[in-house]
Amino acid sequence: MEQIRLSKTERLILANQYIILRKLDTHSTAEFDGIIEALINGYPYIYNDYFSYVNDNIDEAVETNVVHVLSMFRNLYTSYQQLPEDEKNTIDESEVVFSGFDGNNEASHYAFADCLINKYDRFNEVKELIKNKKLEDLHAHFPTLPRYNRLLERWFSIQKEKEGQFSSSEDTYLTADELKYVLGHSS
């Protein structure tokens, strides 16, 4: 684990936070006293243990990719839902339903999507898909990024063609032909 370096100011602020916590939680005073001493005296070997559960920042590219994937599937699914029945029958609904991310090989994507959907109530349509049994859960159990990135490339090209027609990628429904193009059914 990388050694965390804190300035004197950061150490003082954190020590003061732990002093407040010690007063609020009288059952953990000994633990709080230890971290307070380590922070005030500058013992990084000790106070680094207290940061071991804090993850590094997620890569911004992962965040952006997750938001784009979820936005794309929102648009694909709502577009599909708006199609007349005869056009719907030409597309398999499962292709326009978000499949989740692989929790083993795409762990950062999975964790961020889970946080957005389940902790911050974003992309609530995914919760509806789970509730309606169209999606089991957010764990795909297989790699999804190669497919999603191919879909995104075509989806963005449709957006670019429609540029100026709407302000957000989610404001306009795609036609059946556009959906088929994004899904890779035609060129």
C-alpha atoms as a PDB file:
ATOM      1  CA  MET A   1       0.000   0.000   0.000  1.00  0.00           C
ATOM      2  CA  GLU A   2       1.189   3.465  -0.852  1.00  0.00           C
ATOM      3  CA  GLN A   3       2.268   5.538   2.146  1.00  0.00           C
ATOM      4  CA  ILE A   4      -0.097   8.484   2.656  1.00  0.00           C
ATOM      5  CA  ARG A   5       1.609  11.796   3.312  1.00  0.00           C
ATOM      6  CA  LEU A   6      -0.370  14.422   5.180  1.00  0.00           C
ATOM      7  CA  SER A   7       0.596  18.035   5.793  1.00  0.00           C
ATOM      8  CA  LYS A   8       0.597  19.421   9.319  1.00  0.00           C
ATOM      9  CA  THR A   9      -2.634  21.241   8.516  1.00  0.00           C
ATOM     10  CA  GLU A  10      -4.323  18.053   7.264  1.00  0.00           C
ATOM     11  CA  ARG A  11      -3.113  16.140  10.323  1.00  0.00           C
ATOM     12  CA  LEU A  12      -4.420  18.855  12.672  1.00  0.00           C
ATOM     13  CA  ILE A  13      -7.815  18.925  10.952  1.00  0.00           C
ATOM     14  CA  LEU A  14      -8.124  15.133  11.106  1.00  0.00           C
ATOM     15  CA  ALA A  15      -6.942  15.037  14.738  1.00  0.00           C
ATOM     16  CA  ASN A  16      -9.611  17.618  15.612  1.00  0.00           C
ATOM     17  CA  GLN A  17     -12.239  15.488  13.841  1.00  0.00           C
ATOM     18  CA  TYR A  18     -11.200  12.468  15.901  1.00  0.00           C
ATOM     19  CA  ILE A  19     -11.269  14.564  19.101  1.00  0.00           C
ATOM     20  CA  ILE A  20     -14.899  15.443  18.274  1.00  0.00           C
ATOM     21  CA  LEU A  21     -15.684  11.785  17.486  1.00  0.00           C
ATOM     22  CA  ARG A  22     -14.103  10.726  20.801  1.00  0.00           C
ATOM     23  CA  LYS A  23     -16.522  13.034  22.623  1.00  0.00           C
ATOM     24  CA  LEU A  24     -19.509  11.699  20.639  1.00  0.00           C
ATOM     25  CA  ASP A  25     -18.610   7.992  20.774  1.00  0.00           C
ATOM     26  CA  THR A  26     -17.373   7.240  24.257  1.00  0.00           C
ATOM     27  CA  HIS A  27     -17.136   3.486  23.497  1.00  0.00           C
ATOM     28  CA  SER A  28     -14.184   3.968  21.116  1.00  0.00           C
ATOM     29  CA  THR A  29     -12.071   6.452  23.067  1.00  0.00           C
ATOM     30  CA  ALA A  30      -8.951   4.238  23.161  1.00  0.00           C
ATOM     31  CA  GLU A  31      -8.997   3.767  19.380  1.00  0.00           C
ATOM     32  CA  PHE A  32      -9.572   7.473  18.831  1.00  0.00           C
ATOM     33  CA  ASP A  33      -6.765   8.349  21.266  1.00  0.00           C
ATOM     34  CA  GLY A  34      -4.369   6.185  19.222  1.00  0.00           C
ATOM     35  CA  ILE A  35      -5.152   7.850  15.900  1.00  0.00           C
ATOM     36  CA  ILE A  36      -5.124  11.307  17.505  1.00  0.00           C
ATOM     37  CA  GLU A  37      -1.642  10.672  18.905  1.00  0.00           C
ATOM     38  CA  ALA A  38      -0.393   9.295  15.567  1.00  0.00           C
ATOM     39  CA  LEU A  39      -1.763  12.309  13.678  1.00  0.00           C
ATOM     40  CA  ILE A  40      -0.488  14.936  16.109  1.00  0.00           C
ATOM     41  CA  ASN A  41       2.976  13.371  16.387  1.00  0.00           C
ATOM     42  CA  GLY A  42       3.304  12.578  12.691  1.00  0.00           C
ATOM     43  CA  TYR A  43       3.481   8.770  12.725  1.00  0.00           C
ATOM     44  CA  PRO A  44       2.485   7.819   9.157  1.00  0.00           C
ATOM     45  CA  TYR A  45       3.189   4.135   9.800  1.00  0.00           C
ATOM     46  CA  ILE A  46       0.341   4.147  12.327  1.00  0.00           C
ATOM     47  CA  TYR A  47      -2.149   6.539  10.746  1.00  0.00           C
ATOM     48  CA  ASN A  48      -1.800   4.857   7.342  1.00  0.00           C
ATOM     49  CA  ASP A  49      -3.527   1.822   8.879  1.00  0.00           C
ATOM     50  CA  TYR A  50      -6.601   3.978   9.416  1.00  0.00           C
ATOM     51  CA  PHE A  51      -6.690   4.824   5.702  1.00  0.00           C
ATOM     52  CA  SER A  52      -6.332   1.254   4.460  1.00  0.00           C
ATOM     53  CA  TYR A  53     -10.070   0.953   3.751  1.00  0.00           C
ATOM     54  CA  VAL A  54     -10.133   4.135   1.624  1.00  0.00           C
ATOM     55  CA  ASN A  55      -9.764   3.328  -2.077  1.00  0.00           C
ATOM     56  CA  ASP A  56      -7.892   5.398  -4.597  1.00  0.00           C
ATOM     57  CA  ASN A  57     -10.006   7.644  -6.824  1.00  0.00           C
ATOM     58  CA  ILE A  58     -11.697   5.826  -9.669  1.00  0.00           C
ATOM     59  CA  ASP A  59     -10.311   6.615 -13.098  1.00  0.00           C
ATOM     60  CA  GLU A  60     -12.285   9.445 -14.711  1.00  0.00           C
ATOM     61  CA  ALA A  61     -12.416   7.484 -17.978  1.00  0.00           C
ATOM     62  CA  VAL A  62     -14.238   4.668 -16.158  1.00  0.00           C
ATOM     63  CA  GLU A  63     -16.776   7.110 -14.709  1.00  0.00           C
ATOM     64  CA  THR A  64     -17.374   8.670 -18.116  1.00  0.00           C
ATOM     65  CA  ASN A  65     -17.689   5.278 -19.799  1.00  0.00           C
ATOM     66  CA  VAL A  66     -20.229   4.045 -17.237  1.00  0.00           C
ATOM     67  CA  VAL A  67     -22.375   7.169 -17.602  1.00  0.00           C
ATOM     68  CA  HIS A  68     -22.215   6.922 -21.404  1.00  0.00           C
ATOM     69  CA  VAL A  69     -23.152   3.226 -21.355  1.00  0.00           C
ATOM     70  CA  LEU A  70     -26.079   3.794 -18.993  1.00  0.00           C
ATOM     71  CA  SER A  71     -27.257   6.822 -20.993  1.00  0.00           C
ATOM     72  CA  MET A  72     -27.010   4.870 -24.227  1.00  0.00           C
ATOM     73  CA  PHE A  73     -29.047   1.965 -22.879  1.00  0.00           C
ATOM     74  CA  ARG A  74     -31.619   4.384 -21.470  1.00  0.00           C
ATOM     75  CA  ASN A  75     -31.981   5.819 -24.966  1.00  0.00           C
ATOM     76  CA  LEU A  76     -31.985   2.420 -26.698  1.00  0.00           C
ATOM     77  CA  TYR A  77     -34.614   0.955 -24.388  1.00  0.00           C
ATOM     78  CA  THR A  78     -36.932   3.960 -24.374  1.00  0.00           C
ATOM     79  CA  SER A  79     -36.600   4.210 -28.153  1.00  0.00           C
ATOM     80  CA  TYR A  80     -37.487   0.534 -28.472  1.00  0.00           C
ATOM     81  CA  GLN A  81     -40.521   1.026 -26.219  1.00  0.00           C
ATOM     82  CA  GLN A  82     -41.809   3.808 -28.513  1.00  0.00           C
ATOM     83  CA  LEU A  83     -41.678   1.701 -31.672  1.00  0.00           C
ATOM     84  CA  PRO A  84     -44.881   0.396 -33.244  1.00  0.00           C
ATOM     85  CA  GLU A  85     -45.397  -3.334 -32.553  1.00  0.00           C
ATOM     86  CA  ASP A  86     -44.495  -4.441 -36.089  1.00  0.00           C
ATOM     87  CA  GLU A  87     -41.116  -2.633 -35.827  1.00  0.00           C
ATOM     88  CA  LYS A  88     -40.529  -3.908 -32.265  1.00  0.00           C
ATOM     89  CA  ASN A  89     -40.838  -7.449 -33.592  1.00  0.00           C
ATOM     90  CA  THR A  90     -37.749  -6.885 -35.774  1.00  0.00           C
ATOM     91  CA  ILE A  91     -35.516  -6.274 -32.720  1.00  0.00           C
ATOM     92  CA  ASP A  92     -34.897  -8.594 -29.796  1.00  0.00           C
ATOM     93  CA  GLU A  93     -35.749  -6.626 -26.649  1.00  0.00           C
ATOM     94  CA  SER A  94     -32.846  -8.197 -24.743  1.00  0.00           C
ATOM     95  CA  GLU A  95     -30.417  -6.391 -27.065  1.00  0.00           C
ATOM     96  CA  VAL A  96     -31.595  -2.967 -25.875  1.00  0.00           C
ATOM     97  CA  VAL A  97     -31.619  -3.878 -22.176  1.00  0.00           C
ATOM     98  CA  PHE A  98     -28.541  -3.001 -20.129  1.00  0.00           C
ATOM     99  CA  SER A  99     -26.807  -6.262 -19.149  1.00  0.00           C
ATOM    100  CA  GLY A 100     -24.724  -4.971 -16.246  1.00  0.00           C
ATOM    101  CA  PHE A 101     -20.948  -5.116 -15.942  1.00  0.00           C
ATOM    102  CA  ASP A 102     -18.726  -8.054 -15.107  1.00  0.00           C
ATOM    103  CA  GLY A 103     -18.044  -7.717 -11.382  1.00  0.00           C
ATOM    104  CA  ASN A 104     -14.850  -9.763 -11.734  1.00  0.00           C
ATOM    105  CA  ASN A 105     -13.170  -8.268 -14.809  1.00  0.00           C
ATOM    106  CA  GLU A 106     -14.900  -4.889 -14.926  1.00  0.00           C
ATOM    107  CA  ALA A 107     -14.993  -4.278 -11.188  1.00  0.00           C
ATOM    108  CA  SER A 108     -14.554  -0.493 -11.285  1.00  0.00           C
ATOM    109  CA  HIS A 109     -17.320  -0.148 -13.868  1.00  0.00           C
ATOM    110  CA  TYR A 110     -19.562  -2.476 -11.894  1.00  0.00           C
ATOM    111  CA  ALA A 111     -18.931  -0.700  -8.569  1.00  0.00           C
ATOM    112  CA  PHE A 112     -19.508   2.780 -10.000  1.00  0.00           C
ATOM    113  CA  ALA A 113     -22.699   1.709 -11.812  1.00  0.00           C
ATOM    114  CA  ASP A 114     -23.942   0.077  -8.608  1.00  0.00           C
ATOM    115  CA  CYS A 115     -23.223   3.267  -6.671  1.00  0.00           C
ATOM    116  CA  LEU A 116     -24.988   5.479  -9.244  1.00  0.00           C
ATOM    117  CA  ILE A 117     -28.034   3.242  -9.461  1.00  0.00           C
ATOM    118  CA  ASN A 118     -28.470   1.962  -5.915  1.00  0.00           C
ATOM    119  CA  LYS A 119     -27.000   4.676  -3.731  1.00  0.00           C
ATOM    120  CA  TYR A 120     -27.634   7.858  -5.728  1.00  0.00           C
ATOM    121  CA  ASP A 121     -30.864   6.831  -7.479  1.00  0.00           C
ATOM    122  CA  ARG A 122     -29.597   7.627 -10.958  1.00  0.00           C
ATOM    123  CA  PHE A 123     -30.711   5.589 -13.966  1.00  0.00           C
ATOM    124  CA  ASN A 124     -33.755   4.306 -12.082  1.00  0.00           C
ATOM    125  CA  GLU A 125     -34.954   2.507 -15.195  1.00  0.00           C
ATOM    126  CA  VAL A 126     -32.285  -0.120 -14.427  1.00  0.00           C
ATOM    127  CA  LYS A 127     -33.986  -0.776 -11.066  1.00  0.00           C
ATOM    128  CA  GLU A 128     -37.260  -1.154 -12.958  1.00  0.00           C
ATOM    129  CA  LEU A 129     -35.657  -3.666 -15.324  1.00  0.00           C
ATOM    130  CA  ILE A 130     -34.518  -5.707 -12.316  1.00  0.00           C
ATOM    131  CA  LYS A 131     -37.921  -5.385 -10.656  1.00  0.00           C
ATOM    132  CA  ASN A 132     -39.622  -6.518 -13.887  1.00  0.00           C
ATOM    133  CA  LYS A 133     -37.170  -9.445 -14.223  1.00  0.00           C
ATOM    134  CA  LYS A 134     -35.742  -8.171 -17.523  1.00  0.00           C
ATOM    135  CA  LEU A 135     -32.361  -7.912 -15.812  1.00  0.00           C
ATOM    136  CA  GLU A 136     -31.259 -10.262 -13.036  1.00  0.00           C
ATOM    137  CA  ASP A 137     -28.856  -7.812 -11.367  1.00  0.00           C
ATOM    138  CA  LEU A 138     -25.965  -5.509 -12.233  1.00  0.00           C
ATOM    139  CA  HIS A 139     -23.417  -8.350 -12.339  1.00  0.00           C
ATOM    140  CA  ALA A 140     -23.240  -9.599 -15.915  1.00  0.00           C
ATOM    141  CA  HIS A 141     -20.904 -12.520 -15.056  1.00  0.00           C
ATOM    142  CA  PHE A 142     -19.182 -12.033 -18.426  1.00  0.00           C
ATOM    143  CA  PRO A 143     -17.163  -9.201 -20.008  1.00  0.00           C
ATOM    144  CA  THR A 144     -19.444  -6.529 -21.454  1.00  0.00           C
ATOM    145  CA  LEU A 145     -17.113  -3.651 -22.300  1.00  0.00           C
ATOM    146  CA  PRO A 146     -16.059  -4.833 -25.772  1.00  0.00           C
ATOM    147  CA  ARG A 147     -19.717  -4.983 -26.874  1.00  0.00           C
ATOM    148  CA  TYR A 148     -20.684  -1.768 -25.082  1.00  0.00           C
ATOM    149  CA  ASN A 149     -17.798   0.144 -26.652  1.00  0.00           C
ATOM    150  CA  ARG A 150     -18.808  -1.024 -30.155  1.00  0.00           C
ATOM    151  CA  LEU A 151     -22.391   0.046 -29.458  1.00  0.00           C
ATOM    152  CA  LEU A 152     -21.236   3.390 -28.069  1.00  0.00           C
ATOM    153  CA  GLU A 153     -19.207   4.118 -31.183  1.00  0.00           C
ATOM    154  CA  ARG A 154     -22.260   3.631 -33.414  1.00  0.00           C
ATOM    155  CA  TRP A 155     -24.584   5.377 -30.931  1.00  0.00           C
ATOM    156  CA  PHE A 156     -22.322   8.441 -30.866  1.00  0.00           C
ATOM    157  CA  SER A 157     -22.270   8.507 -34.670  1.00  0.00           C
ATOM    158  CA  ILE A 158     -26.098   8.632 -34.666  1.00  0.00           C
ATOM    159  CA  GLN A 159     -25.943  11.434 -32.111  1.00  0.00           C
ATOM    160  CA  LYS A 160     -23.518  13.357 -34.281  1.00  0.00           C
ATOM    161  CA  GLU A 161     -25.851  12.997 -37.272  1.00  0.00           C
ATOM    162  CA  LYS A 162     -28.708  14.340 -35.158  1.00  0.00           C
ATOM    163  CA  GLU A 163     -26.570  17.150 -33.742  1.00  0.00           C
ATOM    164  CA  GLY A 164     -28.565  20.306 -33.399  1.00  0.00           C
ATOM    165  CA  GLN A 165     -31.850  18.401 -33.443  1.00  0.00           C
ATOM    166  CA  PHE A 166     -31.815  17.864 -29.672  1.00  0.00           C
ATOM    167  CA  SER A 167     -29.836  19.001 -26.667  1.00  0.00           C
ATOM    168  CA  SER A 168     -29.204  15.630 -25.048  1.00  0.00           C
ATOM    169  CA  SER A 169     -28.664  12.136 -26.347  1.00  0.00           C
ATOM    170  CA  GLU A 170     -31.704  11.076 -24.357  1.00  0.00           C
ATOM    171  CA  ASP A 171     -34.150  13.693 -25.649  1.00  0.00           C
ATOM    172  CA  THR A 172     -34.997  12.015 -28.952  1.00  0.00           C
ATOM    173  CA  TYR A 173     -36.060   8.472 -29.696  1.00  0.00           C
ATOM    174  CA  LEU A 174     -34.182   6.448 -32.256  1.00  0.00           C
ATOM    175  CA  THR A 175     -35.973   4.907 -35.204  1.00  0.00           C
ATOM    176  CA  ALA A 176     -36.003   1.136 -35.746  1.00  0.00           C
ATOM    177  CA  ASP A 177     -33.330   1.522 -38.434  1.00  0.00           C
ATOM    178  CA  GLU A 178     -31.159   3.603 -36.099  1.00  0.00           C
ATOM    179  CA  LEU A 179     -31.587   1.043 -33.328  1.00  0.00           C
ATOM    180  CA  LYS A 180     -30.605  -1.743 -35.715  1.00  0.00           C
ATOM    181  CA  TYR A 181     -27.564   0.252 -36.805  1.00  0.00           C
ATOM    182  CA  VAL A 182     -26.420   0.816 -33.197  1.00  0.00           C
ATOM    183  CA  LEU A 183     -27.006  -2.863 -32.415  1.00  0.00           C
ATOM    184  CA  GLY A 184     -24.875  -3.826 -35.423  1.00  0.00           C
ATOM    185  CA  HIS A 185     -27.661  -5.360 -37.507  1.00  0.00           C
ATOM    186  CA  SER A 186     -26.838  -3.255 -40.535  1.00  0.00           C
ATOM    187  CA  SER A 187     -24.095  -0.958 -41.725  1.00  0.00           C
END
